[in-house]
Amino acid sequence: MPSIPQPLRPDDDGSTDTAVAAALAAYASGEGDATSVLTALSGARLLVPVVALLTSAEVGEHGLKQEKESEMALPKLVGKDGRQAVLAFTGAEPLARWRPDARPIQADTLQVCRAAAGEKAAAVVVDVAGPVPFVIEGEVLDALAAVATGTAPEHATVARLEPAPRRRRWPWSRG
C-alpha cells in the first residue's frame, strides 16, 4: 500500500518565506537580480498545486450529471510555442490567486526542478499569477535538477550559471 509522504514543515501556515518575498520584490523593482531570487528560493518551501480532474460521470436520479470518479493531477502551463512548465508557488495566497480550488503539496525548489526535468518541462514558473512571477529555465533548471538527483558533476556549481535575461517573457496560453 502506498504511503502518504510527511509534509516538509508540519507547522507550515502557508505564508511566503520573508527572504523569498524580499528577493522577488527587489527583482521586480530592478534593485535585485535573478541570482538573488534563486539564492532565496534554494532553501525555501514551495507549494506545488494539484487539482481534481473528472474521470467518470453519471446521470443522477434528477437527470443531472454528477461526478462518479476523479483523479488528482499536477497541472502544467503550455506556452504558445508548445513548451511546458511546471507551476510552483511561494505561498498559499499566490496559489489562490492562480486557482482557489488547487490543493498545495509542499516541496523544496530542488524537488520541483527535479519533477520538471522528469516531466520534460522546459521551465518552472513560480507565482505565475503574481505578485512577482519568476521563471527557472535552461541551464539553471538543468543544474538544479541535477543537484536534486545527485547527478551534477563535482566541478559544477549552480552559482556559476547565468540566469536567463531579466525581462525574458514566456508566451503562455490559457488552457
N, C-alpha and C. Protein backbone atom coordinates (compact mmCIF):
# COMPACT_ATOMS: atom_id res chain seq x y z
N MET A 1 0.84 -1.17 0.00
CA MET A 1 0.00 0.00 0.00
C MET A 1 0.89 1.25 0.00
N PRO A 2 0.60 2.25 -0.88
CA PRO A 2 1.42 3.45 -0.93
C PRO A 2 1.29 4.24 0.37
N SER A 3 2.37 4.90 0.74
CA SER A 3 2.33 5.72 1.94
C SER A 3 2.19 7.18 1.55
N ILE A 4 1.59 7.94 2.42
CA ILE A 4 1.44 9.37 2.21
C ILE A 4 2.67 10.06 2.78
N PRO A 5 3.38 10.83 1.96
CA PRO A 5 4.59 11.46 2.47
C PRO A 5 4.27 12.49 3.55
N GLN A 6 5.18 12.63 4.47
CA GLN A 6 5.04 13.62 5.53
C GLN A 6 5.36 15.00 4.97
N PRO A 7 4.68 16.04 5.44
CA PRO A 7 4.99 17.39 4.95
C PRO A 7 6.40 17.80 5.35
N LEU A 8 7.00 18.66 4.54
CA LEU A 8 8.33 19.19 4.85
C LEU A 8 8.31 19.94 6.17
N ARG A 9 7.27 20.72 6.36
CA ARG A 9 7.12 21.55 7.56
C ARG A 9 5.70 21.37 8.10
N PRO A 10 5.52 20.49 9.08
CA PRO A 10 4.17 20.23 9.60
C PRO A 10 3.47 21.47 10.16
N ASP A 11 4.23 22.45 10.65
CA ASP A 11 3.63 23.66 11.22
C ASP A 11 3.48 24.79 10.20
N ASP A 12 3.62 24.49 8.93
CA ASP A 12 3.56 25.48 7.85
C ASP A 12 2.18 26.16 7.82
N ASP A 13 2.16 27.49 7.85
CA ASP A 13 0.90 28.22 7.78
C ASP A 13 0.59 28.73 6.37
N GLY A 14 1.43 28.37 5.40
CA GLY A 14 1.19 28.77 4.01
C GLY A 14 1.75 30.11 3.63
N SER A 15 2.41 30.79 4.55
CA SER A 15 2.98 32.10 4.26
C SER A 15 4.18 31.99 3.33
N THR A 16 4.39 33.05 2.57
CA THR A 16 5.58 33.14 1.73
C THR A 16 6.77 33.45 2.64
N ASP A 17 7.87 32.76 2.43
CA ASP A 17 9.10 33.00 3.19
C ASP A 17 9.51 34.46 3.01
N THR A 18 9.86 35.13 4.10
CA THR A 18 10.18 36.56 4.03
C THR A 18 11.39 36.86 3.15
N ALA A 19 12.40 35.98 3.17
CA ALA A 19 13.58 36.20 2.31
C ALA A 19 13.21 36.07 0.84
N VAL A 20 12.33 35.13 0.51
CA VAL A 20 11.88 34.96 -0.87
C VAL A 20 11.07 36.17 -1.31
N ALA A 21 10.14 36.61 -0.46
CA ALA A 21 9.31 37.78 -0.79
C ALA A 21 10.19 39.01 -1.03
N ALA A 22 11.20 39.20 -0.18
CA ALA A 22 12.09 40.36 -0.34
C ALA A 22 12.90 40.26 -1.63
N ALA A 23 13.41 39.07 -1.94
CA ALA A 23 14.20 38.90 -3.16
C ALA A 23 13.33 39.12 -4.40
N LEU A 24 12.11 38.62 -4.40
CA LEU A 24 11.20 38.82 -5.53
C LEU A 24 10.81 40.29 -5.68
N ALA A 25 10.56 40.97 -4.56
CA ALA A 25 10.22 42.40 -4.62
C ALA A 25 11.38 43.21 -5.19
N ALA A 26 12.60 42.90 -4.75
CA ALA A 26 13.78 43.60 -5.27
C ALA A 26 13.96 43.31 -6.76
N TYR A 27 13.72 42.08 -7.16
CA TYR A 27 13.81 41.69 -8.57
C TYR A 27 12.80 42.48 -9.41
N ALA A 28 11.56 42.56 -8.91
CA ALA A 28 10.51 43.27 -9.64
C ALA A 28 10.81 44.76 -9.79
N SER A 29 11.45 45.34 -8.77
CA SER A 29 11.74 46.77 -8.82
C SER A 29 13.03 47.09 -9.56
N GLY A 30 13.77 46.06 -9.94
CA GLY A 30 15.04 46.27 -10.63
C GLY A 30 16.21 46.45 -9.69
N GLU A 31 15.98 46.36 -8.39
CA GLU A 31 17.05 46.51 -7.41
C GLU A 31 17.75 45.19 -7.12
N GLY A 32 17.14 44.07 -7.51
CA GLY A 32 17.73 42.75 -7.29
C GLY A 32 17.84 42.01 -8.61
N ASP A 33 18.52 40.88 -8.57
CA ASP A 33 18.68 40.12 -9.80
C ASP A 33 18.18 38.69 -9.60
N ALA A 34 18.20 37.94 -10.70
CA ALA A 34 17.70 36.57 -10.68
C ALA A 34 18.53 35.68 -9.76
N THR A 35 19.82 35.94 -9.66
CA THR A 35 20.67 35.14 -8.78
C THR A 35 20.23 35.29 -7.33
N SER A 36 19.86 36.49 -6.93
CA SER A 36 19.37 36.70 -5.56
C SER A 36 18.08 35.94 -5.31
N VAL A 37 17.20 35.91 -6.30
CA VAL A 37 15.95 35.16 -6.15
C VAL A 37 16.26 33.68 -6.03
N LEU A 38 17.13 33.16 -6.90
CA LEU A 38 17.49 31.74 -6.85
C LEU A 38 18.13 31.38 -5.51
N THR A 39 18.95 32.27 -4.98
CA THR A 39 19.57 32.02 -3.68
C THR A 39 18.50 31.94 -2.59
N ALA A 40 17.54 32.85 -2.61
CA ALA A 40 16.46 32.82 -1.61
C ALA A 40 15.60 31.58 -1.78
N LEU A 41 15.32 31.20 -3.02
CA LEU A 41 14.49 30.01 -3.28
C LEU A 41 15.20 28.71 -2.89
N SER A 42 16.53 28.73 -2.88
CA SER A 42 17.27 27.48 -2.67
C SER A 42 16.94 26.80 -1.35
N GLY A 43 16.60 27.55 -0.34
CA GLY A 43 16.26 26.93 0.94
C GLY A 43 14.80 27.03 1.30
N ALA A 44 13.99 27.48 0.36
CA ALA A 44 12.59 27.75 0.67
C ALA A 44 11.67 26.57 0.35
N ARG A 45 10.57 26.56 1.05
CA ARG A 45 9.48 25.63 0.76
C ARG A 45 8.61 26.26 -0.32
N LEU A 46 8.27 25.49 -1.33
CA LEU A 46 7.33 25.93 -2.35
C LEU A 46 6.08 25.08 -2.24
N LEU A 47 5.01 25.54 -2.85
CA LEU A 47 3.77 24.79 -2.91
C LEU A 47 3.50 24.43 -4.37
N VAL A 48 3.37 23.15 -4.62
CA VAL A 48 3.05 22.66 -5.96
C VAL A 48 1.55 22.35 -5.97
N PRO A 49 0.83 22.84 -6.98
CA PRO A 49 -0.62 22.62 -6.97
C PRO A 49 -1.02 21.26 -7.54
N VAL A 50 -2.06 20.70 -6.97
CA VAL A 50 -2.74 19.55 -7.57
C VAL A 50 -4.22 19.93 -7.67
N VAL A 51 -4.85 19.46 -8.73
CA VAL A 51 -6.27 19.76 -8.96
C VAL A 51 -7.01 18.46 -9.28
N ALA A 52 -8.29 18.46 -9.00
CA ALA A 52 -9.12 17.30 -9.29
C ALA A 52 -9.56 17.34 -10.75
N LEU A 53 -9.45 16.19 -11.43
CA LEU A 53 -9.92 16.05 -12.80
C LEU A 53 -11.00 14.98 -12.84
N LEU A 54 -12.11 15.32 -13.40
CA LEU A 54 -13.21 14.37 -13.53
C LEU A 54 -12.83 13.28 -14.53
N THR A 55 -12.90 12.03 -14.10
CA THR A 55 -12.57 10.91 -15.00
C THR A 55 -13.80 10.12 -15.39
N SER A 56 -14.86 10.24 -14.60
CA SER A 56 -16.07 9.49 -14.89
C SER A 56 -17.25 10.22 -14.27
N ALA A 57 -18.34 10.31 -15.01
CA ALA A 57 -19.55 10.96 -14.52
C ALA A 57 -20.75 10.07 -14.81
N GLU A 58 -21.83 10.35 -14.13
CA GLU A 58 -23.06 9.61 -14.35
C GLU A 58 -24.23 10.58 -14.22
N VAL A 59 -25.38 10.16 -14.71
CA VAL A 59 -26.58 10.97 -14.58
C VAL A 59 -27.31 10.49 -13.33
N GLY A 60 -27.57 11.43 -12.44
CA GLY A 60 -28.23 11.11 -11.17
C GLY A 60 -29.74 10.96 -11.33
N GLU A 61 -30.39 10.72 -10.21
CA GLU A 61 -31.83 10.46 -10.22
C GLU A 61 -32.68 11.63 -10.70
N HIS A 62 -32.15 12.85 -10.63
CA HIS A 62 -32.90 14.02 -11.09
C HIS A 62 -32.50 14.45 -12.50
N GLY A 63 -31.77 13.58 -13.20
CA GLY A 63 -31.36 13.87 -14.57
C GLY A 63 -30.16 14.79 -14.69
N LEU A 64 -29.48 15.05 -13.59
CA LEU A 64 -28.32 15.92 -13.61
C LEU A 64 -27.04 15.09 -13.64
N LYS A 65 -26.07 15.58 -14.40
CA LYS A 65 -24.77 14.92 -14.47
C LYS A 65 -24.05 15.14 -13.13
N GLN A 66 -23.45 14.08 -12.59
CA GLN A 66 -22.72 14.20 -11.34
C GLN A 66 -21.43 13.40 -11.40
N GLU A 67 -20.49 13.82 -10.57
CA GLU A 67 -19.19 13.15 -10.53
C GLU A 67 -19.33 11.73 -10.00
N LYS A 68 -18.64 10.83 -10.67
CA LYS A 68 -18.58 9.44 -10.20
C LYS A 68 -17.16 9.14 -9.72
N GLU A 69 -16.16 9.54 -10.53
CA GLU A 69 -14.76 9.34 -10.17
C GLU A 69 -13.94 10.55 -10.60
N SER A 70 -12.89 10.84 -9.83
CA SER A 70 -11.97 11.89 -10.21
C SER A 70 -10.56 11.48 -9.78
N GLU A 71 -9.58 12.13 -10.39
CA GLU A 71 -8.18 11.89 -10.07
C GLU A 71 -7.53 13.23 -9.76
N MET A 72 -6.49 13.19 -8.96
CA MET A 72 -5.71 14.40 -8.70
C MET A 72 -4.60 14.47 -9.74
N ALA A 73 -4.37 15.67 -10.25
CA ALA A 73 -3.38 15.85 -11.31
C ALA A 73 -2.50 17.07 -11.03
N LEU A 74 -1.28 17.01 -11.52
CA LEU A 74 -0.34 18.12 -11.46
C LEU A 74 -0.51 18.93 -12.75
N PRO A 75 -1.08 20.13 -12.66
CA PRO A 75 -1.27 20.92 -13.88
C PRO A 75 0.05 21.49 -14.39
N LYS A 76 0.12 21.70 -15.69
CA LYS A 76 1.27 22.34 -16.32
C LYS A 76 0.78 23.45 -17.21
N LEU A 77 1.61 24.46 -17.37
CA LEU A 77 1.34 25.51 -18.34
C LEU A 77 1.92 25.07 -19.67
N VAL A 78 1.26 25.46 -20.75
CA VAL A 78 1.77 25.18 -22.08
C VAL A 78 1.89 26.51 -22.81
N GLY A 79 3.10 26.81 -23.25
CA GLY A 79 3.34 28.05 -23.96
C GLY A 79 2.78 27.99 -25.37
N LYS A 80 2.59 29.15 -25.97
CA LYS A 80 2.10 29.21 -27.34
C LYS A 80 3.05 28.50 -28.30
N ASP A 81 4.31 28.38 -27.89
CA ASP A 81 5.30 27.67 -28.71
C ASP A 81 5.35 26.18 -28.39
N GLY A 82 4.48 25.71 -27.49
CA GLY A 82 4.41 24.29 -27.16
C GLY A 82 5.25 23.85 -25.97
N ARG A 83 6.12 24.73 -25.48
CA ARG A 83 6.92 24.36 -24.30
C ARG A 83 6.02 24.25 -23.08
N GLN A 84 6.38 23.34 -22.19
CA GLN A 84 5.60 23.12 -20.97
C GLN A 84 6.38 23.61 -19.76
N ALA A 85 5.63 24.01 -18.73
CA ALA A 85 6.25 24.45 -17.48
C ALA A 85 5.47 23.88 -16.30
N VAL A 86 6.21 23.54 -15.27
CA VAL A 86 5.63 23.10 -14.01
C VAL A 86 5.39 24.35 -13.17
N LEU A 87 4.30 24.37 -12.44
CA LEU A 87 3.95 25.50 -11.59
C LEU A 87 4.41 25.27 -10.16
N ALA A 88 4.82 26.34 -9.51
CA ALA A 88 5.13 26.31 -8.08
C ALA A 88 4.77 27.68 -7.52
N PHE A 89 4.45 27.70 -6.24
CA PHE A 89 4.03 28.95 -5.61
C PHE A 89 4.77 29.14 -4.30
N THR A 90 5.03 30.40 -3.97
CA THR A 90 5.78 30.71 -2.76
C THR A 90 4.91 30.63 -1.51
N GLY A 91 3.61 30.63 -1.68
CA GLY A 91 2.71 30.58 -0.53
C GLY A 91 1.28 30.30 -0.95
N ALA A 92 0.42 30.18 0.05
CA ALA A 92 -0.99 29.87 -0.20
C ALA A 92 -1.71 31.01 -0.92
N GLU A 93 -1.36 32.25 -0.62
CA GLU A 93 -2.03 33.39 -1.26
C GLU A 93 -1.70 33.46 -2.75
N PRO A 94 -0.44 33.35 -3.16
CA PRO A 94 -0.16 33.32 -4.61
C PRO A 94 -0.81 32.13 -5.31
N LEU A 95 -0.89 30.99 -4.63
CA LEU A 95 -1.57 29.82 -5.20
C LEU A 95 -3.05 30.12 -5.42
N ALA A 96 -3.70 30.73 -4.43
CA ALA A 96 -5.13 31.06 -4.54
C ALA A 96 -5.38 32.11 -5.63
N ARG A 97 -4.42 33.00 -5.87
CA ARG A 97 -4.55 33.98 -6.97
C ARG A 97 -4.69 33.26 -8.30
N TRP A 98 -3.94 32.17 -8.43
CA TRP A 98 -3.96 31.42 -9.68
C TRP A 98 -5.21 30.57 -9.78
N ARG A 99 -5.47 29.78 -8.75
CA ARG A 99 -6.62 28.88 -8.80
C ARG A 99 -7.02 28.51 -7.37
N PRO A 100 -8.10 29.09 -6.89
CA PRO A 100 -8.50 28.89 -5.50
C PRO A 100 -8.83 27.43 -5.14
N ASP A 101 -9.19 26.62 -6.11
CA ASP A 101 -9.56 25.23 -5.81
C ASP A 101 -8.36 24.28 -5.82
N ALA A 102 -7.17 24.77 -6.16
CA ALA A 102 -5.97 23.91 -6.18
C ALA A 102 -5.55 23.59 -4.76
N ARG A 103 -5.02 22.41 -4.58
CA ARG A 103 -4.55 21.97 -3.27
C ARG A 103 -3.02 21.97 -3.27
N PRO A 104 -2.40 22.49 -2.20
CA PRO A 104 -0.94 22.60 -2.16
C PRO A 104 -0.25 21.34 -1.65
N ILE A 105 0.86 21.02 -2.29
CA ILE A 105 1.77 19.97 -1.83
C ILE A 105 3.11 20.65 -1.58
N GLN A 106 3.66 20.49 -0.39
CA GLN A 106 4.95 21.10 -0.06
C GLN A 106 6.09 20.40 -0.80
N ALA A 107 7.02 21.21 -1.30
CA ALA A 107 8.23 20.68 -1.93
C ALA A 107 9.29 21.76 -1.84
N ASP A 108 10.55 21.35 -1.87
CA ASP A 108 11.59 22.37 -1.93
C ASP A 108 11.92 22.64 -3.40
N THR A 109 12.68 23.67 -3.64
CA THR A 109 12.98 24.10 -5.00
C THR A 109 13.68 23.01 -5.81
N LEU A 110 14.60 22.30 -5.19
CA LEU A 110 15.29 21.23 -5.92
C LEU A 110 14.33 20.12 -6.31
N GLN A 111 13.39 19.77 -5.44
CA GLN A 111 12.40 18.74 -5.77
C GLN A 111 11.53 19.18 -6.94
N VAL A 112 11.13 20.45 -6.95
CA VAL A 112 10.30 20.97 -8.04
C VAL A 112 11.07 20.94 -9.35
N CYS A 113 12.33 21.33 -9.32
CA CYS A 113 13.15 21.30 -10.54
C CYS A 113 13.37 19.87 -11.02
N ARG A 114 13.57 18.94 -10.11
CA ARG A 114 13.73 17.53 -10.48
C ARG A 114 12.43 17.02 -11.12
N ALA A 115 11.29 17.39 -10.54
CA ALA A 115 10.00 16.97 -11.12
C ALA A 115 9.81 17.56 -12.52
N ALA A 116 10.19 18.82 -12.70
CA ALA A 116 10.08 19.45 -14.02
C ALA A 116 10.93 18.72 -15.04
N ALA A 117 12.15 18.37 -14.66
CA ALA A 117 13.03 17.62 -15.57
C ALA A 117 12.43 16.26 -15.89
N GLY A 118 11.87 15.61 -14.88
CA GLY A 118 11.24 14.31 -15.09
C GLY A 118 10.03 14.38 -16.01
N GLU A 119 9.34 15.51 -15.98
CA GLU A 119 8.17 15.72 -16.84
C GLU A 119 8.57 16.27 -18.21
N LYS A 120 9.86 16.45 -18.44
CA LYS A 120 10.40 17.02 -19.68
C LYS A 120 9.87 18.45 -19.90
N ALA A 121 9.64 19.16 -18.80
CA ALA A 121 9.19 20.55 -18.89
C ALA A 121 10.38 21.45 -19.15
N ALA A 122 10.15 22.55 -19.84
CA ALA A 122 11.20 23.50 -20.18
C ALA A 122 11.46 24.51 -19.07
N ALA A 123 10.54 24.58 -18.09
CA ALA A 123 10.68 25.61 -17.06
C ALA A 123 9.87 25.26 -15.82
N VAL A 124 10.21 25.97 -14.76
CA VAL A 124 9.38 26.04 -13.56
C VAL A 124 8.95 27.49 -13.47
N VAL A 125 7.66 27.73 -13.37
CA VAL A 125 7.16 29.10 -13.23
C VAL A 125 6.67 29.25 -11.79
N VAL A 126 7.30 30.17 -11.07
CA VAL A 126 6.97 30.44 -9.68
C VAL A 126 6.01 31.63 -9.65
N ASP A 127 4.90 31.47 -8.93
CA ASP A 127 3.90 32.53 -8.75
C ASP A 127 3.42 33.12 -10.07
N VAL A 128 2.93 32.26 -10.94
CA VAL A 128 2.51 32.67 -12.29
C VAL A 128 1.48 33.81 -12.27
N ALA A 129 0.63 33.87 -11.25
CA ALA A 129 -0.39 34.92 -11.17
C ALA A 129 0.06 36.09 -10.28
N GLY A 130 1.30 36.08 -9.88
CA GLY A 130 1.83 37.16 -9.08
C GLY A 130 1.85 36.82 -7.60
N PRO A 131 2.36 37.69 -6.80
CA PRO A 131 2.64 39.09 -7.10
C PRO A 131 3.85 39.32 -8.01
N VAL A 132 4.86 38.44 -8.00
CA VAL A 132 6.01 38.59 -8.88
C VAL A 132 6.30 37.23 -9.51
N PRO A 133 5.90 37.03 -10.77
CA PRO A 133 6.23 35.77 -11.43
C PRO A 133 7.74 35.66 -11.67
N PHE A 134 8.24 34.42 -11.59
CA PHE A 134 9.67 34.18 -11.78
C PHE A 134 9.82 32.85 -12.50
N VAL A 135 10.69 32.80 -13.51
CA VAL A 135 10.87 31.60 -14.32
C VAL A 135 12.27 31.02 -14.10
N ILE A 136 12.31 29.71 -13.84
CA ILE A 136 13.57 28.97 -13.77
C ILE A 136 13.60 28.09 -15.01
N GLU A 137 14.61 28.28 -15.86
CA GLU A 137 14.66 27.53 -17.11
C GLU A 137 16.08 27.34 -17.58
N GLY A 138 16.23 26.61 -18.67
CA GLY A 138 17.52 26.45 -19.31
C GLY A 138 18.54 25.74 -18.45
N GLU A 139 19.78 26.23 -18.52
CA GLU A 139 20.88 25.61 -17.79
C GLU A 139 20.68 25.65 -16.28
N VAL A 140 20.03 26.69 -15.78
CA VAL A 140 19.78 26.79 -14.34
C VAL A 140 18.83 25.67 -13.90
N LEU A 141 17.76 25.47 -14.64
CA LEU A 141 16.82 24.38 -14.33
C LEU A 141 17.54 23.03 -14.41
N ASP A 142 18.31 22.83 -15.46
CA ASP A 142 19.04 21.57 -15.62
C ASP A 142 20.00 21.33 -14.45
N ALA A 143 20.70 22.38 -14.03
CA ALA A 143 21.65 22.25 -12.93
C ALA A 143 20.96 21.94 -11.61
N LEU A 144 19.86 22.63 -11.33
CA LEU A 144 19.14 22.37 -10.09
C LEU A 144 18.55 20.97 -10.08
N ALA A 145 18.06 20.52 -11.21
CA ALA A 145 17.53 19.15 -11.31
C ALA A 145 18.65 18.13 -11.10
N ALA A 146 19.83 18.42 -11.65
CA ALA A 146 20.97 17.52 -11.49
C ALA A 146 21.43 17.46 -10.03
N VAL A 147 21.42 18.60 -9.35
CA VAL A 147 21.77 18.62 -7.93
C VAL A 147 20.76 17.78 -7.15
N ALA A 148 19.48 17.92 -7.48
CA ALA A 148 18.43 17.18 -6.78
C ALA A 148 18.56 15.67 -6.96
N THR A 149 19.03 15.25 -8.11
CA THR A 149 19.15 13.80 -8.37
C THR A 149 20.52 13.27 -8.02
N GLY A 150 21.44 14.17 -7.64
CA GLY A 150 22.79 13.73 -7.31
C GLY A 150 23.63 13.42 -8.53
N THR A 151 23.23 13.93 -9.70
CA THR A 151 23.97 13.64 -10.93
C THR A 151 24.80 14.82 -11.42
N ALA A 152 24.88 15.89 -10.62
CA ALA A 152 25.67 17.05 -11.03
C ALA A 152 27.15 16.70 -10.93
N PRO A 153 27.95 17.08 -11.94
CA PRO A 153 29.40 16.85 -11.85
C PRO A 153 29.97 17.57 -10.63
N GLU A 154 31.01 17.03 -10.06
CA GLU A 154 31.60 17.61 -8.85
C GLU A 154 32.04 19.05 -9.06
N HIS A 155 32.52 19.39 -10.25
CA HIS A 155 33.03 20.73 -10.51
C HIS A 155 31.93 21.73 -10.87
N ALA A 156 30.72 21.26 -11.09
CA ALA A 156 29.63 22.15 -11.48
C ALA A 156 29.01 22.80 -10.25
N THR A 157 28.74 24.07 -10.35
CA THR A 157 28.02 24.77 -9.30
C THR A 157 26.93 25.60 -9.93
N VAL A 158 25.81 25.67 -9.28
CA VAL A 158 24.70 26.45 -9.79
C VAL A 158 25.06 27.93 -9.83
N ALA A 159 25.87 28.39 -8.89
CA ALA A 159 26.21 29.80 -8.81
C ALA A 159 26.95 30.29 -10.05
N ARG A 160 27.64 29.39 -10.77
CA ARG A 160 28.38 29.82 -11.96
C ARG A 160 27.49 29.92 -13.19
N LEU A 161 26.29 29.43 -13.12
CA LEU A 161 25.38 29.53 -14.26
C LEU A 161 24.70 30.88 -14.27
N GLU A 162 24.58 31.44 -15.42
CA GLU A 162 23.94 32.74 -15.57
C GLU A 162 22.44 32.55 -15.77
N PRO A 163 21.59 33.12 -14.90
CA PRO A 163 20.15 33.02 -15.11
C PRO A 163 19.74 33.67 -16.43
N ALA A 164 18.56 33.33 -16.89
CA ALA A 164 18.02 33.90 -18.12
C ALA A 164 17.94 35.42 -18.01
N PRO A 165 17.97 36.12 -19.14
CA PRO A 165 17.87 37.58 -19.09
C PRO A 165 16.64 38.02 -18.31
N ARG A 166 16.77 39.13 -17.61
CA ARG A 166 15.77 39.61 -16.68
C ARG A 166 14.38 39.80 -17.28
N ARG A 167 14.26 40.32 -18.42
CA ARG A 167 12.95 40.64 -18.99
C ARG A 167 12.43 39.58 -19.95
N ARG A 168 13.00 38.41 -19.94
CA ARG A 168 12.54 37.34 -20.82
C ARG A 168 11.10 36.98 -20.46
N ARG A 169 10.27 36.83 -21.45
CA ARG A 169 8.86 36.52 -21.23
C ARG A 169 8.51 35.19 -21.86
N TRP A 170 7.69 34.44 -21.18
CA TRP A 170 7.16 33.19 -21.72
C TRP A 170 5.80 33.51 -22.29
N PRO A 171 5.54 33.13 -23.53
CA PRO A 171 4.22 33.40 -24.14
C PRO A 171 3.23 32.30 -23.73
N TRP A 172 2.57 32.46 -22.61
CA TRP A 172 1.66 31.41 -22.12
C TRP A 172 0.29 31.54 -22.75
N SER A 173 -0.28 30.40 -23.03
CA SER A 173 -1.67 30.38 -23.46
C SER A 173 -2.49 29.88 -22.28
N ARG A 174 -3.73 30.22 -22.27
CA ARG A 174 -4.61 29.74 -21.21
C ARG A 174 -5.21 28.43 -21.66
N GLY A 175 -5.32 27.53 -20.67
CA GLY A 175 -5.97 26.28 -21.04
C GLY A 175 -5.41 25.09 -20.38
